[in-house]
Amino acid sequence: MFSTDGLGIRGRIFAVVPHDGGLMVKVPESRADELVAAGAVERMVMRGRELREWVVMPDAASDADWSSLLADALAYVDEISP
């Protein structure tokens, strides 16, 4: 989907490392809104359009922040995947 390696569960991707760096994850739209408002992440933009549930955390974020975000993403995609 994103032309890069990613992590998934039951065939659905929840995290990838974009070509330009950072950590891109899928989280609920409300959680994405919170993270963007806090300045922790930016919305992923593809073909000029912001994606509602995909955000990118910068390389400079701490390991703890990356781990927490990965846990959120895994839990969300696990919940919505049959």
C-alpha atoms as a PDB file:
ATOM      1  CA  MET A   1       0.000   0.000   0.000  1.00  0.00           C
ATOM      2  CA  PHE A   2       2.709   2.491   0.969  1.00  0.00           C
ATOM      3  CA  SER A   3       5.614   0.940  -1.009  1.00  0.00           C
ATOM      4  CA  THR A   4       7.563   0.257   2.167  1.00  0.00           C
ATOM      5  CA  ASP A   5       7.843  -2.379   4.883  1.00  0.00           C
ATOM      6  CA  GLY A   6       5.159  -2.330   7.514  1.00  0.00           C
ATOM      7  CA  LEU A   7       3.641  -4.085  10.493  1.00  0.00           C
ATOM      8  CA  GLY A   8       0.247  -5.673  10.262  1.00  0.00           C
ATOM      9  CA  ILE A   9      -2.278  -7.923  11.918  1.00  0.00           C
ATOM     10  CA  ARG A  10      -4.641 -10.267  10.073  1.00  0.00           C
ATOM     11  CA  GLY A  11      -3.580  -8.759   6.767  1.00  0.00           C
ATOM     12  CA  ARG A  12      -4.162  -5.123   7.772  1.00  0.00           C
ATOM     13  CA  ILE A  13      -1.269  -2.682   8.068  1.00  0.00           C
ATOM     14  CA  PHE A  14      -1.066  -0.566  11.234  1.00  0.00           C
ATOM     15  CA  ALA A  15       2.444   0.928  11.013  1.00  0.00           C
ATOM     16  CA  VAL A  16       5.083   1.712   8.381  1.00  0.00           C
ATOM     17  CA  VAL A  17       8.319   3.644   8.159  1.00  0.00           C
ATOM     18  CA  PRO A  18       7.882   6.139   5.303  1.00  0.00           C
ATOM     19  CA  HIS A  19      10.705   6.664   2.822  1.00  0.00           C
ATOM     20  CA  ASP A  20      11.411  10.117   4.279  1.00  0.00           C
ATOM     21  CA  GLY A  21      11.590   8.816   7.867  1.00  0.00           C
ATOM     22  CA  GLY A  22       9.457   8.858  10.968  1.00  0.00           C
ATOM     23  CA  LEU A  23       6.839   6.363  12.052  1.00  0.00           C
ATOM     24  CA  MET A  24       3.467   6.330  10.321  1.00  0.00           C
ATOM     25  CA  VAL A  25       0.606   4.621  12.148  1.00  0.00           C
ATOM     26  CA  LYS A  26      -3.139   4.182  11.898  1.00  0.00           C
ATOM     27  CA  VAL A  27      -5.080   5.331  14.975  1.00  0.00           C
ATOM     28  CA  PRO A  28      -8.689   6.376  15.543  1.00  0.00           C
ATOM     29  CA  GLU A  29      -9.459   9.778  14.041  1.00  0.00           C
ATOM     30  CA  SER A  30     -10.152  11.251  17.487  1.00  0.00           C
ATOM     31  CA  ARG A  31      -6.739  10.053  18.749  1.00  0.00           C
ATOM     32  CA  ALA A  32      -5.078  11.452  15.622  1.00  0.00           C
ATOM     33  CA  ASP A  33      -6.756  14.805  16.313  1.00  0.00           C
ATOM     34  CA  GLU A  34      -5.401  14.797  19.900  1.00  0.00           C
ATOM     35  CA  LEU A  35      -1.867  13.930  18.814  1.00  0.00           C
ATOM     36  CA  VAL A  36      -1.840  16.578  16.081  1.00  0.00           C
ATOM     37  CA  ALA A  37      -3.183  19.224  18.486  1.00  0.00           C
ATOM     38  CA  ALA A  38      -0.437  18.317  20.990  1.00  0.00           C
ATOM     39  CA  GLY A  39       2.211  18.716  18.279  1.00  0.00           C
ATOM     40  CA  ALA A  40       3.420  15.126  18.699  1.00  0.00           C
ATOM     41  CA  VAL A  41       2.635  14.079  15.120  1.00  0.00           C
ATOM     42  CA  GLU A  42       1.595  15.379  11.717  1.00  0.00           C
ATOM     43  CA  ARG A  43      -1.196  14.019   9.550  1.00  0.00           C
ATOM     44  CA  MET A  44      -0.051  11.858   6.670  1.00  0.00           C
ATOM     45  CA  VAL A  45      -0.739  13.574   3.354  1.00  0.00           C
ATOM     46  CA  MET A  46      -1.117  11.501   0.202  1.00  0.00           C
ATOM     47  CA  ARG A  47      -1.875  13.001  -3.199  1.00  0.00           C
ATOM     48  CA  GLY A  48      -2.584  16.354  -1.546  1.00  0.00           C
ATOM     49  CA  ARG A  49      -5.141  14.952   0.898  1.00  0.00           C
ATOM     50  CA  GLU A  50      -4.747  14.530   4.651  1.00  0.00           C
ATOM     51  CA  LEU A  51      -5.601  11.037   5.813  1.00  0.00           C
ATOM     52  CA  ARG A  52      -8.003  10.974   8.771  1.00  0.00           C
ATOM     53  CA  GLU A  53      -6.503   8.063  10.674  1.00  0.00           C
ATOM     54  CA  TRP A  54      -2.863   8.049   9.572  1.00  0.00           C
ATOM     55  CA  VAL A  55      -0.271  10.157  11.390  1.00  0.00           C
ATOM     56  CA  VAL A  56       3.520  10.429  11.268  1.00  0.00           C
ATOM     57  CA  MET A  57       5.703  10.754  14.361  1.00  0.00           C
ATOM     58  CA  PRO A  58       9.160  12.234  13.665  1.00  0.00           C
ATOM     59  CA  ASP A  59      12.447  10.337  13.937  1.00  0.00           C
ATOM     60  CA  ALA A  60      13.438  12.600  16.833  1.00  0.00           C
ATOM     61  CA  ALA A  61      10.638  11.263  19.077  1.00  0.00           C
ATOM     62  CA  SER A  62      11.709   9.084  21.982  1.00  0.00           C
ATOM     63  CA  ASP A  63      11.643   5.302  21.898  1.00  0.00           C
ATOM     64  CA  ALA A  64       8.917   5.434  24.565  1.00  0.00           C
ATOM     65  CA  ASP A  65       6.773   7.694  22.367  1.00  0.00           C
ATOM     66  CA  TRP A  66       7.239   5.392  19.365  1.00  0.00           C
ATOM     67  CA  SER A  67       6.404   2.329  21.488  1.00  0.00           C
ATOM     68  CA  SER A  68       3.288   3.944  22.899  1.00  0.00           C
ATOM     69  CA  LEU A  69       2.086   5.005  19.462  1.00  0.00           C
ATOM     70  CA  LEU A  70       2.746   1.526  18.040  1.00  0.00           C
ATOM     71  CA  ALA A  71       0.728  -0.011  20.889  1.00  0.00           C
ATOM     72  CA  ASP A  72      -2.168   2.380  20.179  1.00  0.00           C
ATOM     73  CA  ALA A  73      -2.070   1.521  16.476  1.00  0.00           C
ATOM     74  CA  LEU A  74      -1.921  -2.230  17.025  1.00  0.00           C
ATOM     75  CA  ALA A  75      -4.820  -2.125  19.495  1.00  0.00           C
ATOM     76  CA  TYR A  76      -6.934  -0.037  17.118  1.00  0.00           C
ATOM     77  CA  VAL A  77      -6.379  -2.155  14.026  1.00  0.00           C
ATOM     78  CA  ASP A  78      -6.803  -5.344  16.054  1.00  0.00           C
ATOM     79  CA  GLU A  79     -10.165  -4.021  17.274  1.00  0.00           C
ATOM     80  CA  ILE A  80     -11.466  -3.102  13.818  1.00  0.00           C
ATOM     81  CA  SER A  81     -10.152  -6.179  11.969  1.00  0.00           C
ATOM     82  CA  PRO A  82     -12.334  -9.276  11.727  1.00  0.00           C
END
